[in-house]
Amino acid sequence: MGEKPSTVAEYRATLTDAQRAGLDTLREAVRAVAPEVEEGISYAIPVFRLRGKPLVWVAAWKRHFSLYPLNAAMLRDHADEIDGYETSKGTIRFPATQPLPVELVKKLVAARMAEVQPRS
């Protein structure tokens, strides 16, 4: 990729059409749950911030799409739904050869929102 992207547009420009489409599907799912988020770049991939705090990161890779971060509680709470997807510390990977599970992404983003929202 050469230089790291500093904007989402620059990041998207490095992707194939298929990667861009998948990434945009992830971005739309995040915005559907959290329309007030601000999008930027962090760690050279798109990040969504909620009231200045990182909510989630999304990325397009050669063979999969990723959603970060997922903690142990989120993985446990959604174990049945994420069964069959590759996970590792802090991430879930969705194969590029399959349709993105938009409703699952929305549930995971909502769970993450509950973590970062200030408690009243």
PDB file of N, CA and C in Angstrom:
ATOM      1  N   MET A   1       0.825  -1.179   0.000  1.00  0.00           N
ATOM      2  CA  MET A   1       0.000   0.000   0.000  1.00  0.00           C
ATOM      3  C   MET A   1       0.870   1.243   0.000  1.00  0.00           C
ATOM      4  N   GLY A   2       2.137   1.152   0.409  1.00  0.00           N
ATOM      5  CA  GLY A   2       2.969   2.346   0.436  1.00  0.00           C
ATOM      6  C   GLY A   2       2.669   3.169   1.674  1.00  0.00           C
ATOM      7  N   GLU A   3       2.311   4.430   1.475  1.00  0.00           N
ATOM      8  CA  GLU A   3       1.994   5.295   2.602  1.00  0.00           C
ATOM      9  C   GLU A   3       0.649   4.918   3.211  1.00  0.00           C
ATOM     10  N   LYS A   4       0.575   5.103   4.513  1.00  0.00           N
ATOM     11  CA  LYS A   4      -0.666   4.792   5.208  1.00  0.00           C
ATOM     12  C   LYS A   4      -1.726   5.837   4.874  1.00  0.00           C
ATOM     13  N   PRO A   5      -2.975   5.404   4.690  1.00  0.00           N
ATOM     14  CA  PRO A   5      -4.036   6.368   4.382  1.00  0.00           C
ATOM     15  C   PRO A   5      -4.327   7.260   5.586  1.00  0.00           C
ATOM     16  N   SER A   6      -4.679   8.494   5.300  1.00  0.00           N
ATOM     17  CA  SER A   6      -5.030   9.412   6.385  1.00  0.00           C
ATOM     18  C   SER A   6      -6.519   9.752   6.378  1.00  0.00           C
ATOM     19  N   THR A   7      -7.240   9.276   5.352  1.00  0.00           N
ATOM     20  CA  THR A   7      -8.691   9.476   5.290  1.00  0.00           C
ATOM     21  C   THR A   7      -9.345   8.173   4.838  1.00  0.00           C
ATOM     22  N   VAL A   8     -10.635   8.071   5.077  1.00  0.00           N
ATOM     23  CA  VAL A   8     -11.374   6.887   4.624  1.00  0.00           C
ATOM     24  C   VAL A   8     -11.365   6.824   3.099  1.00  0.00           C
ATOM     25  N   ALA A   9     -11.455   7.963   2.449  1.00  0.00           N
ATOM     26  CA  ALA A   9     -11.414   7.988   0.979  1.00  0.00           C
ATOM     27  C   ALA A   9     -10.095   7.416   0.472  1.00  0.00           C
ATOM     28  N   GLU A  10      -8.995   7.785   1.106  1.00  0.00           N
ATOM     29  CA  GLU A  10      -7.700   7.241   0.709  1.00  0.00           C
ATOM     30  C   GLU A  10      -7.650   5.735   0.958  1.00  0.00           C
ATOM     31  N   TYR A  11      -8.197   5.286   2.077  1.00  0.00           N
ATOM     32  CA  TYR A  11      -8.238   3.853   2.377  1.00  0.00           C
ATOM     33  C   TYR A  11      -9.049   3.120   1.314  1.00  0.00           C
ATOM     34  N   ARG A  12     -10.235   3.632   1.012  1.00  0.00           N
ATOM     35  CA  ARG A  12     -11.107   2.999   0.022  1.00  0.00           C
ATOM     36  C   ARG A  12     -10.436   2.922  -1.345  1.00  0.00           C
ATOM     37  N   ALA A  13      -9.627   3.937  -1.679  1.00  0.00           N
ATOM     38  CA  ALA A  13      -8.964   3.980  -2.983  1.00  0.00           C
ATOM     39  C   ALA A  13      -7.948   2.855  -3.155  1.00  0.00           C
ATOM     40  N   THR A  14      -7.502   2.259  -2.054  1.00  0.00           N
ATOM     41  CA  THR A  14      -6.525   1.167  -2.135  1.00  0.00           C
ATOM     42  C   THR A  14      -7.196  -0.190  -2.364  1.00  0.00           C
ATOM     43  N   LEU A  15      -8.516  -0.230  -2.314  1.00  0.00           N
ATOM     44  CA  LEU A  15      -9.255  -1.496  -2.354  1.00  0.00           C
ATOM     45  C   LEU A  15      -9.750  -1.840  -3.747  1.00  0.00           C
ATOM     46  N   THR A  16     -10.018  -3.117  -3.952  1.00  0.00           N
ATOM     47  CA  THR A  16     -10.690  -3.550  -5.181  1.00  0.00           C
ATOM     48  C   THR A  16     -12.163  -3.170  -5.084  1.00  0.00           C
ATOM     49  N   ASP A  17     -12.880  -3.281  -6.181  1.00  0.00           N
ATOM     50  CA  ASP A  17     -14.318  -2.971  -6.161  1.00  0.00           C
ATOM     51  C   ASP A  17     -15.056  -3.853  -5.161  1.00  0.00           C
ATOM     52  N   ALA A  18     -14.718  -5.145  -5.130  1.00  0.00           N
ATOM     53  CA  ALA A  18     -15.387  -6.069  -4.212  1.00  0.00           C
ATOM     54  C   ALA A  18     -15.064  -5.720  -2.757  1.00  0.00           C
ATOM     55  N   GLN A  19     -13.824  -5.390  -2.476  1.00  0.00           N
ATOM     56  CA  GLN A  19     -13.449  -5.006  -1.117  1.00  0.00           C
ATOM     57  C   GLN A  19     -14.167  -3.716  -0.707  1.00  0.00           C
ATOM     58  N   ARG A  20     -14.227  -2.774  -1.630  1.00  0.00           N
ATOM     59  CA  ARG A  20     -14.899  -1.495  -1.346  1.00  0.00           C
ATOM     60  C   ARG A  20     -16.376  -1.725  -1.043  1.00  0.00           C
ATOM     61  N   ALA A  21     -17.012  -2.582  -1.812  1.00  0.00           N
ATOM     62  CA  ALA A  21     -18.436  -2.872  -1.598  1.00  0.00           C
ATOM     63  C   ALA A  21     -18.663  -3.507  -0.226  1.00  0.00           C
ATOM     64  N   GLY A  22     -17.823  -4.471   0.128  1.00  0.00           N
ATOM     65  CA  GLY A  22     -17.959  -5.114   1.438  1.00  0.00           C
ATOM     66  C   GLY A  22     -17.700  -4.142   2.568  1.00  0.00           C
ATOM     67  N   LEU A  23     -16.655  -3.340   2.431  1.00  0.00           N
ATOM     68  CA  LEU A  23     -16.354  -2.343   3.455  1.00  0.00           C
ATOM     69  C   LEU A  23     -17.519  -1.373   3.614  1.00  0.00           C
ATOM     70  N   ASP A  24     -18.086  -0.934   2.503  1.00  0.00           N
ATOM     71  CA  ASP A  24     -19.207   0.003   2.573  1.00  0.00           C
ATOM     72  C   ASP A  24     -20.416  -0.633   3.250  1.00  0.00           C
ATOM     73  N   THR A  25     -20.621  -1.929   3.044  1.00  0.00           N
ATOM     74  CA  THR A  25     -21.710  -2.631   3.731  1.00  0.00           C
ATOM     75  C   THR A  25     -21.470  -2.611   5.240  1.00  0.00           C
ATOM     76  N   LEU A  26     -20.239  -2.861   5.654  1.00  0.00           N
ATOM     77  CA  LEU A  26     -19.911  -2.786   7.085  1.00  0.00           C
ATOM     78  C   LEU A  26     -20.141  -1.374   7.619  1.00  0.00           C
ATOM     79  N   ARG A  27     -19.676  -0.384   6.887  1.00  0.00           N
ATOM     80  CA  ARG A  27     -19.824   1.011   7.324  1.00  0.00           C
ATOM     81  C   ARG A  27     -21.304   1.381   7.464  1.00  0.00           C
ATOM     82  N   GLU A  28     -22.124   0.953   6.514  1.00  0.00           N
ATOM     83  CA  GLU A  28     -23.562   1.235   6.570  1.00  0.00           C
ATOM     84  C   GLU A  28     -24.200   0.556   7.779  1.00  0.00           C
ATOM     85  N   ALA A  29     -23.775  -0.656   8.100  1.00  0.00           N
ATOM     86  CA  ALA A  29     -24.322  -1.366   9.266  1.00  0.00           C
ATOM     87  C   ALA A  29     -23.979  -0.615  10.551  1.00  0.00           C
ATOM     88  N   VAL A  30     -22.755  -0.127  10.646  1.00  0.00           N
ATOM     89  CA  VAL A  30     -22.356   0.637  11.833  1.00  0.00           C
ATOM     90  C   VAL A  30     -23.210   1.894  11.951  1.00  0.00           C
ATOM     91  N   ARG A  31     -23.336   2.619  10.861  1.00  0.00           N
ATOM     92  CA  ARG A  31     -24.111   3.874  10.886  1.00  0.00           C
ATOM     93  C   ARG A  31     -25.605   3.637  11.152  1.00  0.00           C
ATOM     94  N   ALA A  32     -26.115   2.479  10.757  1.00  0.00           N
ATOM     95  CA  ALA A  32     -27.524   2.172  11.012  1.00  0.00           C
ATOM     96  C   ALA A  32     -27.803   2.083  12.515  1.00  0.00           C
ATOM     97  N   VAL A  33     -26.826   1.597  13.262  1.00  0.00           N
ATOM     98  CA  VAL A  33     -26.965   1.440  14.704  1.00  0.00           C
ATOM     99  C   VAL A  33     -26.536   2.705  15.443  1.00  0.00           C
ATOM    100  N   ALA A  34     -25.534   3.377  14.900  1.00  0.00           N
ATOM    101  CA  ALA A  34     -24.948   4.540  15.576  1.00  0.00           C
ATOM    102  C   ALA A  34     -24.796   5.690  14.580  1.00  0.00           C
ATOM    103  N   PRO A  35     -25.905   6.310  14.191  1.00  0.00           N
ATOM    104  CA  PRO A  35     -25.820   7.350  13.161  1.00  0.00           C
ATOM    105  C   PRO A  35     -25.005   8.575  13.576  1.00  0.00           C
ATOM    106  N   GLU A  36     -24.782   8.751  14.864  1.00  0.00           N
ATOM    107  CA  GLU A  36     -24.062   9.932  15.340  1.00  0.00           C
ATOM    108  C   GLU A  36     -22.540   9.751  15.372  1.00  0.00           C
ATOM    109  N   VAL A  37     -22.050   8.596  14.939  1.00  0.00           N
ATOM    110  CA  VAL A  37     -20.607   8.358  14.986  1.00  0.00           C
ATOM    111  C   VAL A  37     -19.865   9.256  14.000  1.00  0.00           C
ATOM    112  N   GLU A  38     -18.601   9.497  14.333  1.00  0.00           N
ATOM    113  CA  GLU A  38     -17.698  10.206  13.433  1.00  0.00           C
ATOM    114  C   GLU A  38     -16.710   9.180  12.903  1.00  0.00           C
ATOM    115  N   GLU A  39     -16.440   9.248  11.620  1.00  0.00           N
ATOM    116  CA  GLU A  39     -15.561   8.270  10.988  1.00  0.00           C
ATOM    117  C   GLU A  39     -14.209   8.907  10.694  1.00  0.00           C
ATOM    118  N   GLY A  40     -13.173   8.129  10.876  1.00  0.00           N
ATOM    119  CA  GLY A  40     -11.824   8.592  10.586  1.00  0.00           C
ATOM    120  C   GLY A  40     -10.913   7.406  10.343  1.00  0.00           C
ATOM    121  N   ILE A  41      -9.621   7.640  10.460  1.00  0.00           N
ATOM    122  CA  ILE A  41      -8.626   6.586  10.281  1.00  0.00           C
ATOM    123  C   ILE A  41      -7.810   6.473  11.562  1.00  0.00           C
ATOM    124  N   SER A  42      -7.591   5.253  12.005  1.00  0.00           N
ATOM    125  CA  SER A  42      -6.750   4.959  13.152  1.00  0.00           C
ATOM    126  C   SER A  42      -6.122   3.599  12.896  1.00  0.00           C
ATOM    127  N   TYR A  43      -4.850   3.446  13.179  1.00  0.00           N
ATOM    128  CA  TYR A  43      -4.136   2.209  12.869  1.00  0.00           C
ATOM    129  C   TYR A  43      -4.238   1.872  11.384  1.00  0.00           C
ATOM    130  N   ALA A  44      -4.349   2.894  10.545  1.00  0.00           N
ATOM    131  CA  ALA A  44      -4.401   2.771   9.076  1.00  0.00           C
ATOM    132  C   ALA A  44      -5.669   2.110   8.552  1.00  0.00           C
ATOM    133  N   ILE A  45      -6.719   2.015   9.380  1.00  0.00           N
ATOM    134  CA  ILE A  45      -8.010   1.476   8.939  1.00  0.00           C
ATOM    135  C   ILE A  45      -9.120   2.381   9.455  1.00  0.00           C
ATOM    136  N   PRO A  46     -10.326   2.292   8.864  1.00  0.00           N
ATOM    137  CA  PRO A  46     -11.437   3.134   9.322  1.00  0.00           C
ATOM    138  C   PRO A  46     -11.834   2.843  10.769  1.00  0.00           C
ATOM    139  N   VAL A  47     -12.073   3.915  11.497  1.00  0.00           N
ATOM    140  CA  VAL A  47     -12.545   3.843  12.877  1.00  0.00           C
ATOM    141  C   VAL A  47     -13.802   4.697  12.980  1.00  0.00           C
ATOM    142  N   PHE A  48     -14.712   4.254  13.818  1.00  0.00           N
ATOM    143  CA  PHE A  48     -15.903   5.031  14.142  1.00  0.00           C
ATOM    144  C   PHE A  48     -15.785   5.444  15.593  1.00  0.00           C
ATOM    145  N   ARG A  49     -15.933   6.737  15.849  1.00  0.00           N
ATOM    146  CA  ARG A  49     -15.845   7.265  17.209  1.00  0.00           C
ATOM    147  C   ARG A  49     -17.220   7.754  17.651  1.00  0.00           C
ATOM    148  N   LEU A  50     -17.517   7.448  18.893  1.00  0.00           N
ATOM    149  CA  LEU A  50     -18.766   7.871  19.512  1.00  0.00           C
ATOM    150  C   LEU A  50     -18.400   8.821  20.649  1.00  0.00           C
ATOM    151  N   ARG A  51     -18.796  10.075  20.498  1.00  0.00           N
ATOM    152  CA  ARG A  51     -18.447  11.114  21.474  1.00  0.00           C
ATOM    153  C   ARG A  51     -16.942  11.150  21.741  1.00  0.00           C
ATOM    154  N   GLY A  52     -16.173  10.984  20.676  1.00  0.00           N
ATOM    155  CA  GLY A  52     -14.729  11.058  20.772  1.00  0.00           C
ATOM    156  C   GLY A  52     -14.032   9.765  21.155  1.00  0.00           C
ATOM    157  N   LYS A  53     -14.790   8.770  21.585  1.00  0.00           N
ATOM    158  CA  LYS A  53     -14.191   7.485  21.988  1.00  0.00           C
ATOM    159  C   LYS A  53     -14.312   6.478  20.845  1.00  0.00           C
ATOM    160  N   PRO A  54     -13.255   5.692  20.597  1.00  0.00           N
ATOM    161  CA  PRO A  54     -13.359   4.667  19.553  1.00  0.00           C
ATOM    162  C   PRO A  54     -14.492   3.684  19.865  1.00  0.00           C
ATOM    163  N   LEU A  55     -15.344   3.497  18.882  1.00  0.00           N
ATOM    164  CA  LEU A  55     -16.436   2.530  19.012  1.00  0.00           C
ATOM    165  C   LEU A  55     -16.016   1.215  18.360  1.00  0.00           C
ATOM    166  N   VAL A  56     -15.813   1.245  17.055  1.00  0.00           N
ATOM    167  CA  VAL A  56     -15.357   0.061  16.320  1.00  0.00           C
ATOM    168  C   VAL A  56     -14.457   0.482  15.163  1.00  0.00           C
ATOM    169  N   TRP A  57     -13.637  -0.464  14.749  1.00  0.00           N
ATOM    170  CA  TRP A  57     -12.837  -0.341  13.539  1.00  0.00           C
ATOM    171  C   TRP A  57     -13.368  -1.367  12.555  1.00  0.00           C
ATOM    172  N   VAL A  58     -13.254  -1.064  11.266  1.00  0.00           N
ATOM    173  CA  VAL A  58     -13.614  -2.013  10.208  1.00  0.00           C
ATOM    174  C   VAL A  58     -12.463  -2.045   9.208  1.00  0.00           C
ATOM    175  N   ALA A  59     -12.285  -3.193   8.565  1.00  0.00           N
ATOM    176  CA  ALA A  59     -11.209  -3.298   7.593  1.00  0.00           C
ATOM    177  C   ALA A  59     -11.560  -4.313   6.521  1.00  0.00           C
ATOM    178  N   ALA A  60     -11.026  -4.059   5.337  1.00  0.00           N
ATOM    179  CA  ALA A  60     -11.154  -4.993   4.219  1.00  0.00           C
ATOM    180  C   ALA A  60      -9.780  -5.585   3.949  1.00  0.00           C
ATOM    181  N   TRP A  61      -9.727  -6.899   3.918  1.00  0.00           N
ATOM    182  CA  TRP A  61      -8.491  -7.605   3.639  1.00  0.00           C
ATOM    183  C   TRP A  61      -8.684  -8.435   2.386  1.00  0.00           C
ATOM    184  N   LYS A  62      -7.652  -9.106   1.964  1.00  0.00           N
ATOM    185  CA  LYS A  62      -7.714  -9.869   0.714  1.00  0.00           C
ATOM    186  C   LYS A  62      -8.799 -10.950   0.758  1.00  0.00           C
ATOM    187  N   ARG A  63      -8.888 -11.660   1.892  1.00  0.00           N
ATOM    188  CA  ARG A  63      -9.811 -12.799   1.972  1.00  0.00           C
ATOM    189  C   ARG A  63     -10.942 -12.631   2.987  1.00  0.00           C
ATOM    190  N   HIS A  64     -10.955 -11.506   3.692  1.00  0.00           N
ATOM    191  CA  HIS A  64     -12.001 -11.328   4.702  1.00  0.00           C
ATOM    192  C   HIS A  64     -12.199  -9.847   5.032  1.00  0.00           C
ATOM    193  N   PHE A  65     -13.255  -9.599   5.787  1.00  0.00           N
ATOM    194  CA  PHE A  65     -13.549  -8.284   6.358  1.00  0.00           C
ATOM    195  C   PHE A  65     -13.506  -8.447   7.864  1.00  0.00           C
ATOM    196  N   SER A  66     -13.016  -7.428   8.554  1.00  0.00           N
ATOM    197  CA  SER A  66     -12.869  -7.524  10.005  1.00  0.00           C
ATOM    198  C   SER A  66     -13.637  -6.434  10.720  1.00  0.00           C
ATOM    199  N   LEU A  67     -14.071  -6.779  11.920  1.00  0.00           N
ATOM    200  CA  LEU A  67     -14.717  -5.844  12.840  1.00  0.00           C
ATOM    201  C   LEU A  67     -13.962  -5.952  14.158  1.00  0.00           C
ATOM    202  N   TYR A  68     -13.552  -4.810  14.698  1.00  0.00           N
ATOM    203  CA  TYR A  68     -12.802  -4.746  15.948  1.00  0.00           C
ATOM    204  C   TYR A  68     -13.478  -3.707  16.855  1.00  0.00           C
ATOM    205  N   PRO A  69     -13.324  -3.655  18.115  1.00  0.00           N
ATOM    206  CA  PRO A  69     -12.847  -4.716  18.989  1.00  0.00           C
ATOM    207  C   PRO A  69     -14.008  -5.518  19.535  1.00  0.00           C
ATOM    208  N   LEU A  70     -13.742  -6.738  19.832  1.00  0.00           N
ATOM    209  CA  LEU A  70     -14.696  -7.603  20.520  1.00  0.00           C
ATOM    210  C   LEU A  70     -13.989  -8.132  21.751  1.00  0.00           C
ATOM    211  N   ASN A  71     -14.599  -7.967  22.886  1.00  0.00           N
ATOM    212  CA  ASN A  71     -13.966  -8.490  24.097  1.00  0.00           C
ATOM    213  C   ASN A  71     -14.532  -9.883  24.413  1.00  0.00           C
ATOM    214  N   ALA A  72     -13.988 -10.497  25.426  1.00  0.00           N
ATOM    215  CA  ALA A  72     -14.397 -11.865  25.785  1.00  0.00           C
ATOM    216  C   ALA A  72     -15.884 -11.941  26.108  1.00  0.00           C
ATOM    217  N   ALA A  73     -16.415 -10.936  26.785  1.00  0.00           N
ATOM    218  CA  ALA A  73     -17.845 -10.950  27.125  1.00  0.00           C
ATOM    219  C   ALA A  73     -18.710 -10.901  25.869  1.00  0.00           C
ATOM    220  N   MET A  74     -18.334 -10.072  24.903  1.00  0.00           N
ATOM    221  CA  MET A  74     -19.109  -9.999  23.661  1.00  0.00           C
ATOM    222  C   MET A  74     -19.044 -11.320  22.909  1.00  0.00           C
ATOM    223  N   LEU A  75     -17.866 -11.911  22.855  1.00  0.00           N
ATOM    224  CA  LEU A  75     -17.729 -13.198  22.178  1.00  0.00           C
ATOM    225  C   LEU A  75     -18.582 -14.263  22.859  1.00  0.00           C
ATOM    226  N   ARG A  76     -18.583 -14.252  24.191  1.00  0.00           N
ATOM    227  CA  ARG A  76     -19.380 -15.221  24.950  1.00  0.00           C
ATOM    228  C   ARG A  76     -20.877 -14.968  24.753  1.00  0.00           C
ATOM    229  N   ASP A  77     -21.287 -13.695  24.843  1.00  0.00           N
ATOM    230  CA  ASP A  77     -22.708 -13.358  24.738  1.00  0.00           C
ATOM    231  C   ASP A  77     -23.293 -13.658  23.357  1.00  0.00           C
ATOM    232  N   HIS A  78     -22.460 -13.662  22.339  1.00  0.00           N
ATOM    233  CA  HIS A  78     -22.934 -13.891  20.971  1.00  0.00           C
ATOM    234  C   HIS A  78     -22.352 -15.164  20.375  1.00  0.00           C
ATOM    235  N   ALA A  79     -21.947 -16.098  21.237  1.00  0.00           N
ATOM    236  CA  ALA A  79     -21.259 -17.316  20.794  1.00  0.00           C
ATOM    237  C   ALA A  79     -22.039 -18.080  19.728  1.00  0.00           C
ATOM    238  N   ASP A  80     -23.339 -18.242  19.914  1.00  0.00           N
ATOM    239  CA  ASP A  80     -24.126 -19.001  18.940  1.00  0.00           C
ATOM    240  C   ASP A  80     -24.147 -18.313  17.580  1.00  0.00           C
ATOM    241  N   GLU A  81     -24.249 -16.985  17.601  1.00  0.00           N
ATOM    242  CA  GLU A  81     -24.352 -16.232  16.347  1.00  0.00           C
ATOM    243  C   GLU A  81     -23.021 -16.141  15.607  1.00  0.00           C
ATOM    244  N   ILE A  82     -21.914 -16.130  16.332  1.00  0.00           N
ATOM    245  CA  ILE A  82     -20.614 -15.997  15.666  1.00  0.00           C
ATOM    246  C   ILE A  82     -19.962 -17.344  15.382  1.00  0.00           C
ATOM    247  N   ASP A  83     -20.631 -18.419  15.799  1.00  0.00           N
ATOM    248  CA  ASP A  83     -20.105 -19.755  15.521  1.00  0.00           C
ATOM    249  C   ASP A  83     -19.915 -19.904  14.013  1.00  0.00           C
ATOM    250  N   GLY A  84     -18.760 -20.360  13.620  1.00  0.00           N
ATOM    251  CA  GLY A  84     -18.468 -20.522  12.205  1.00  0.00           C
ATOM    252  C   GLY A  84     -17.631 -19.394  11.627  1.00  0.00           C
ATOM    253  N   TYR A  85     -17.540 -18.281  12.341  1.00  0.00           N
ATOM    254  CA  TYR A  85     -16.684 -17.181  11.906  1.00  0.00           C
ATOM    255  C   TYR A  85     -15.370 -17.254  12.663  1.00  0.00           C
ATOM    256  N   GLU A  86     -14.298 -16.887  11.994  1.00  0.00           N
ATOM    257  CA  GLU A  86     -12.997 -16.869  12.638  1.00  0.00           C
ATOM    258  C   GLU A  86     -12.924 -15.674  13.580  1.00  0.00           C
ATOM    259  N   THR A  87     -12.487 -15.930  14.799  1.00  0.00           N
ATOM    260  CA  THR A  87     -12.289 -14.862  15.774  1.00  0.00           C
ATOM    261  C   THR A  87     -10.894 -14.993  16.362  1.00  0.00           C
ATOM    262  N   SER A  88     -10.404 -13.905  16.847  1.00  0.00           N
ATOM    263  CA  SER A  88      -9.166 -13.907  17.609  1.00  0.00           C
ATOM    264  C   SER A  88      -9.293 -12.769  18.608  1.00  0.00           C
ATOM    265  N   LYS A  89      -8.278 -12.576  19.397  1.00  0.00           N
ATOM    266  CA  LYS A  89      -8.355 -11.561  20.430  1.00  0.00           C
ATOM    267  C   LYS A  89      -8.773 -10.220  19.818  1.00  0.00           C
ATOM    268  N   GLY A  90      -9.995  -9.823  20.111  1.00  0.00           N
ATOM    269  CA  GLY A  90     -10.460  -8.509  19.704  1.00  0.00           C
ATOM    270  C   GLY A  90     -11.067  -8.375  18.333  1.00  0.00           C
ATOM    271  N   THR A  91     -11.194  -9.450  17.559  1.00  0.00           N
ATOM    272  CA  THR A  91     -11.723  -9.295  16.202  1.00  0.00           C
ATOM    273  C   THR A  91     -12.590 -10.475  15.784  1.00  0.00           C
ATOM    274  N   ILE A  92     -13.437 -10.195  14.811  1.00  0.00           N
ATOM    275  CA  ILE A  92     -14.172 -11.241  14.107  1.00  0.00           C
ATOM    276  C   ILE A  92     -13.922 -11.017  12.632  1.00  0.00           C
ATOM    277  N   ARG A  93     -13.736 -12.117  11.905  1.00  0.00           N
ATOM    278  CA  ARG A  93     -13.447 -12.046  10.479  1.00  0.00           C
ATOM    279  C   ARG A  93     -14.597 -12.685   9.696  1.00  0.00           C
ATOM    280  N   PHE A  94     -15.055 -11.949   8.702  1.00  0.00           N
ATOM    281  CA  PHE A  94     -16.122 -12.423   7.834  1.00  0.00           C
ATOM    282  C   PHE A  94     -15.515 -12.756   6.473  1.00  0.00           C
ATOM    283  N   PRO A  95     -15.654 -13.992   6.005  1.00  0.00           N
ATOM    284  CA  PRO A  95     -15.046 -14.374   4.729  1.00  0.00           C
ATOM    285  C   PRO A  95     -15.573 -13.508   3.573  1.00  0.00           C
ATOM    286  N   ALA A  96     -14.669 -13.107   2.707  1.00  0.00           N
ATOM    287  CA  ALA A  96     -15.043 -12.286   1.553  1.00  0.00           C
ATOM    288  C   ALA A  96     -15.877 -13.071   0.551  1.00  0.00           C
ATOM    289  N   THR A  97     -15.861 -14.390   0.666  1.00  0.00           N
ATOM    290  CA  THR A  97     -16.603 -15.246  -0.271  1.00  0.00           C
ATOM    291  C   THR A  97     -18.055 -15.444   0.129  1.00  0.00           C
ATOM    292  N   GLN A  98     -18.455 -14.881   1.267  1.00  0.00           N
ATOM    293  CA  GLN A  98     -19.828 -15.036   1.754  1.00  0.00           C
ATOM    294  C   GLN A  98     -20.459 -13.660   1.961  1.00  0.00           C
ATOM    295  N   PRO A  99     -21.792 -13.592   1.894  1.00  0.00           N
ATOM    296  CA  PRO A  99     -22.447 -12.313   2.185  1.00  0.00           C
ATOM    297  C   PRO A  99     -22.165 -11.886   3.632  1.00  0.00           C
ATOM    298  N   LEU A 100     -21.983 -10.613   3.828  1.00  0.00           N
ATOM    299  CA  LEU A 100     -21.749 -10.115   5.183  1.00  0.00           C
ATOM    300  C   LEU A 100     -23.003 -10.265   6.031  1.00  0.00           C
ATOM    301  N   PRO A 101     -22.866 -10.726   7.260  1.00  0.00           N
ATOM    302  CA  PRO A 101     -24.024 -10.895   8.153  1.00  0.00           C
ATOM    303  C   PRO A 101     -24.382  -9.547   8.803  1.00  0.00           C
ATOM    304  N   VAL A 102     -25.095  -8.726   8.065  1.00  0.00           N
ATOM    305  CA  VAL A 102     -25.376  -7.350   8.484  1.00  0.00           C
ATOM    306  C   VAL A 102     -26.072  -7.297   9.839  1.00  0.00           C
ATOM    307  N   GLU A 103     -27.043  -8.149  10.065  1.00  0.00           N
ATOM    308  CA  GLU A 103     -27.757  -8.106  11.345  1.00  0.00           C
ATOM    309  C   GLU A 103     -26.841  -8.462  12.507  1.00  0.00           C
ATOM    310  N   LEU A 104     -25.931  -9.405  12.304  1.00  0.00           N
ATOM    311  CA  LEU A 104     -24.962  -9.747  13.339  1.00  0.00           C
ATOM    312  C   LEU A 104     -24.031  -8.563  13.606  1.00  0.00           C
ATOM    313  N   VAL A 105     -23.572  -7.921  12.556  1.00  0.00           N
ATOM    314  CA  VAL A 105     -22.715  -6.742  12.720  1.00  0.00           C
ATOM    315  C   VAL A 105     -23.453  -5.680  13.538  1.00  0.00           C
ATOM    316  N   LYS A 106     -24.709  -5.458  13.231  1.00  0.00           N
ATOM    317  CA  LYS A 106     -25.489  -4.464  13.975  1.00  0.00           C
ATOM    318  C   LYS A 106     -25.595  -4.833  15.456  1.00  0.00           C
ATOM    319  N   LYS A 107     -25.810  -6.107  15.755  1.00  0.00           N
ATOM    320  CA  LYS A 107     -25.893  -6.548  17.149  1.00  0.00           C
ATOM    321  C   LYS A 107     -24.568  -6.330  17.873  1.00  0.00           C
ATOM    322  N   LEU A 108     -23.473  -6.649  17.200  1.00  0.00           N
ATOM    323  CA  LEU A 108     -22.163  -6.472  17.822  1.00  0.00           C
ATOM    324  C   LEU A 108     -21.845  -4.999  18.049  1.00  0.00           C
ATOM    325  N   VAL A 109     -22.212  -4.162  17.104  1.00  0.00           N
ATOM    326  CA  VAL A 109     -21.994  -2.718  17.265  1.00  0.00           C
ATOM    327  C   VAL A 109     -22.854  -2.186  18.409  1.00  0.00           C
ATOM    328  N   ALA A 110     -24.090  -2.648  18.496  1.00  0.00           N
ATOM    329  CA  ALA A 110     -24.961  -2.216  19.599  1.00  0.00           C
ATOM    330  C   ALA A 110     -24.386  -2.644  20.945  1.00  0.00           C
ATOM    331  N   ALA A 111     -23.849  -3.853  21.011  1.00  0.00           N
ATOM    332  CA  ALA A 111     -23.230  -4.322  22.255  1.00  0.00           C
ATOM    333  C   ALA A 111     -22.020  -3.466  22.601  1.00  0.00           C
ATOM    334  N   ARG A 112     -21.240  -3.121  21.597  1.00  0.00           N
ATOM    335  CA  ARG A 112     -20.070  -2.268  21.835  1.00  0.00           C
ATOM    336  C   ARG A 112     -20.498  -0.873  22.285  1.00  0.00           C
ATOM    337  N   MET A 113     -21.589  -0.367  21.717  1.00  0.00           N
ATOM    338  CA  MET A 113     -22.097   0.941  22.141  1.00  0.00           C
ATOM    339  C   MET A 113     -22.448   0.934  23.606  1.00  0.00           C
ATOM    340  N   ALA A 114     -23.053  -0.147  24.062  1.00  0.00           N
ATOM    341  CA  ALA A 114     -23.415  -0.255  25.476  1.00  0.00           C
ATOM    342  C   ALA A 114     -22.174  -0.195  26.368  1.00  0.00           C
ATOM    343  N   GLU A 115     -21.039  -0.662  25.864  1.00  0.00           N
ATOM    344  CA  GLU A 115     -19.800  -0.610  26.627  1.00  0.00           C
ATOM    345  C   GLU A 115     -19.216   0.802  26.728  1.00  0.00           C
ATOM    346  N   VAL A 116     -19.310   1.543  25.644  1.00  0.00           N
ATOM    347  CA  VAL A 116     -18.634   2.848  25.609  1.00  0.00           C
ATOM    348  C   VAL A 116     -19.537   4.011  26.011  1.00  0.00           C
ATOM    349  N   GLN A 117     -20.844   3.789  26.052  1.00  0.00           N
ATOM    350  CA  GLN A 117     -21.766   4.864  26.472  1.00  0.00           C
ATOM    351  C   GLN A 117     -21.583   5.150  27.954  1.00  0.00           C
ATOM    352  N   PRO A 118     -21.595   6.395  28.324  1.00  0.00           N
ATOM    353  CA  PRO A 118     -21.525   6.705  29.759  1.00  0.00           C
ATOM    354  C   PRO A 118     -22.764   6.179  30.467  1.00  0.00           C
ATOM    355  N   ARG A 119     -22.554   5.628  31.620  1.00  0.00           N
ATOM    356  CA  ARG A 119     -23.674   5.085  32.406  1.00  0.00           C
ATOM    357  C   ARG A 119     -24.317   6.225  33.213  1.00  0.00           C
ATOM    358  N   SER A 120     -25.646   6.229  33.175  1.00  0.00           N
ATOM    359  CA  SER A 120     -26.368   7.283  33.911  1.00  0.00           C
ATOM    360  C   SER A 120     -26.825   6.796  35.260  1.00  0.00           C
TER     361      SER A 120
END
